[in-house]
Amino acid sequence: MSIRPLLLPEPPGEVDRAPEIFAGGVAAVRRAVVIGNGCAGAENQCLGLVRALGLADRLTLYVSRAPPLSFPLVLL
């Protein structure tokens, strides 16, 4: 059995332009609410998203911890 090359279609025109969300320039996103689930990896991703949006200099961090066993525990 031989391996055949995968032929992909040509991308649409104007590939070099920025995505539509950034068409308004750097100030397109002025405020964002990012909610994490409390896991360390998710919190780091949320902070990375804030940095990527260019909002790291105006960051306000609110931390809310739920009481232990506040959610139903289901064991199977």
C-alpha atoms as a PDB file:
ATOM      1  CA  MET A   1       0.000   0.000   0.000  1.00  0.00           C
ATOM      2  CA  SER A   2       1.532   3.307  -1.033  1.00  0.00           C
ATOM      3  CA  ILE A   3       1.019   6.633   0.647  1.00  0.00           C
ATOM      4  CA  ARG A   4      -0.608   9.259  -1.531  1.00  0.00           C
ATOM      5  CA  PRO A   5       0.018  12.971  -0.956  1.00  0.00           C
ATOM      6  CA  LEU A   6      -2.844  14.919   0.549  1.00  0.00           C
ATOM      7  CA  LEU A   7      -4.060  17.632  -1.812  1.00  0.00           C
ATOM      8  CA  LEU A   8      -5.567  20.610  -0.018  1.00  0.00           C
ATOM      9  CA  PRO A   9      -7.649  23.307  -1.700  1.00  0.00           C
ATOM     10  CA  GLU A  10      -6.098  26.711  -2.201  1.00  0.00           C
ATOM     11  CA  PRO A  11      -6.877  29.181   0.609  1.00  0.00           C
ATOM     12  CA  PRO A  12      -9.240  32.055  -0.186  1.00  0.00           C
ATOM     13  CA  GLY A  13      -7.778  35.371  -1.320  1.00  0.00           C
ATOM     14  CA  GLU A  14      -6.461  38.068   1.033  1.00  0.00           C
ATOM     15  CA  VAL A  15      -4.843  35.661   3.475  1.00  0.00           C
ATOM     16  CA  ASP A  16      -2.386  38.311   4.704  1.00  0.00           C
ATOM     17  CA  ARG A  17      -4.999  40.503   6.373  1.00  0.00           C
ATOM     18  CA  ALA A  18      -5.866  40.369  10.079  1.00  0.00           C
ATOM     19  CA  PRO A  19      -8.987  38.569  11.311  1.00  0.00           C
ATOM     20  CA  GLU A  20     -12.194  40.587  11.226  1.00  0.00           C
ATOM     21  CA  ILE A  21     -12.299  40.986  15.022  1.00  0.00           C
ATOM     22  CA  PHE A  22      -9.073  43.032  14.883  1.00  0.00           C
ATOM     23  CA  ALA A  23     -10.145  45.215  11.949  1.00  0.00           C
ATOM     24  CA  GLY A  24     -10.774  48.138  14.329  1.00  0.00           C
ATOM     25  CA  GLY A  25      -7.126  48.274  15.376  1.00  0.00           C
ATOM     26  CA  VAL A  26      -5.460  47.654  18.699  1.00  0.00           C
ATOM     27  CA  ALA A  27      -8.231  49.346  20.700  1.00  0.00           C
ATOM     28  CA  ALA A  28     -10.947  47.044  19.322  1.00  0.00           C
ATOM     29  CA  VAL A  29     -11.206  45.127  22.622  1.00  0.00           C
ATOM     30  CA  ARG A  30     -11.418  47.514  25.566  1.00  0.00           C
ATOM     31  CA  ARG A  31     -12.983  45.330  28.244  1.00  0.00           C
ATOM     32  CA  ALA A  32     -13.245  41.597  28.770  1.00  0.00           C
ATOM     33  CA  VAL A  33     -14.612  39.363  31.504  1.00  0.00           C
ATOM     34  CA  VAL A  34     -12.689  36.106  31.716  1.00  0.00           C
ATOM     35  CA  ILE A  35     -14.014  33.389  34.015  1.00  0.00           C
ATOM     36  CA  GLY A  36     -11.879  30.413  34.993  1.00  0.00           C
ATOM     37  CA  ASN A  37     -12.814  27.196  36.723  1.00  0.00           C
ATOM     38  CA  GLY A  38     -10.201  27.347  39.491  1.00  0.00           C
ATOM     39  CA  CYS A  39      -7.682  24.903  38.052  1.00  0.00           C
ATOM     40  CA  ALA A  40      -4.136  26.225  37.862  1.00  0.00           C
ATOM     41  CA  GLY A  41      -3.840  25.500  34.135  1.00  0.00           C
ATOM     42  CA  ALA A  42      -7.113  27.255  33.352  1.00  0.00           C
ATOM     43  CA  GLU A  43      -6.107  30.295  35.402  1.00  0.00           C
ATOM     44  CA  ASN A  44      -2.838  30.537  33.475  1.00  0.00           C
ATOM     45  CA  GLN A  45      -4.722  30.310  30.190  1.00  0.00           C
ATOM     46  CA  CYS A  46      -7.085  33.080  31.304  1.00  0.00           C
ATOM     47  CA  LEU A  47      -4.149  35.327  32.185  1.00  0.00           C
ATOM     48  CA  GLY A  48      -2.518  34.492  28.848  1.00  0.00           C
ATOM     49  CA  LEU A  49      -5.715  35.477  27.050  1.00  0.00           C
ATOM     50  CA  VAL A  50      -5.804  38.810  28.880  1.00  0.00           C
ATOM     51  CA  ARG A  51      -2.179  39.434  27.881  1.00  0.00           C
ATOM     52  CA  ALA A  52      -2.880  38.441  24.266  1.00  0.00           C
ATOM     53  CA  LEU A  53      -5.774  40.905  24.110  1.00  0.00           C
ATOM     54  CA  GLY A  54      -3.431  43.648  25.310  1.00  0.00           C
ATOM     55  CA  LEU A  55      -5.339  44.239  28.543  1.00  0.00           C
ATOM     56  CA  ALA A  56      -2.640  43.133  31.001  1.00  0.00           C
ATOM     57  CA  ASP A  57      -1.876  46.707  32.100  1.00  0.00           C
ATOM     58  CA  ARG A  58      -5.526  47.226  33.156  1.00  0.00           C
ATOM     59  CA  LEU A  59      -6.022  43.879  34.886  1.00  0.00           C
ATOM     60  CA  THR A  60      -8.287  43.584  37.928  1.00  0.00           C
ATOM     61  CA  LEU A  61      -8.310  40.120  39.434  1.00  0.00           C
ATOM     62  CA  TYR A  62     -11.258  38.908  41.493  1.00  0.00           C
ATOM     63  CA  VAL A  63     -10.946  35.515  43.177  1.00  0.00           C
ATOM     64  CA  SER A  64     -13.971  33.744  44.574  1.00  0.00           C
ATOM     65  CA  ARG A  65     -13.575  30.406  46.308  1.00  0.00           C
ATOM     66  CA  ALA A  66     -16.570  28.150  46.849  1.00  0.00           C
ATOM     67  CA  PRO A  67     -16.958  26.448  50.233  1.00  0.00           C
ATOM     68  CA  PRO A  68     -15.771  22.828  50.322  1.00  0.00           C
ATOM     69  CA  LEU A  69     -18.254  20.280  48.995  1.00  0.00           C
ATOM     70  CA  SER A  70     -20.582  22.991  47.744  1.00  0.00           C
ATOM     71  CA  PHE A  71     -21.241  20.996  44.582  1.00  0.00           C
ATOM     72  CA  PRO A  72     -22.875  17.575  44.621  1.00  0.00           C
ATOM     73  CA  LEU A  73     -20.335  14.783  44.641  1.00  0.00           C
ATOM     74  CA  VAL A  74     -21.220  11.859  42.392  1.00  0.00           C
ATOM     75  CA  LEU A  75     -19.238   8.639  42.712  1.00  0.00           C
ATOM     76  CA  LEU A  76     -19.774   5.832  40.226  1.00  0.00           C
END
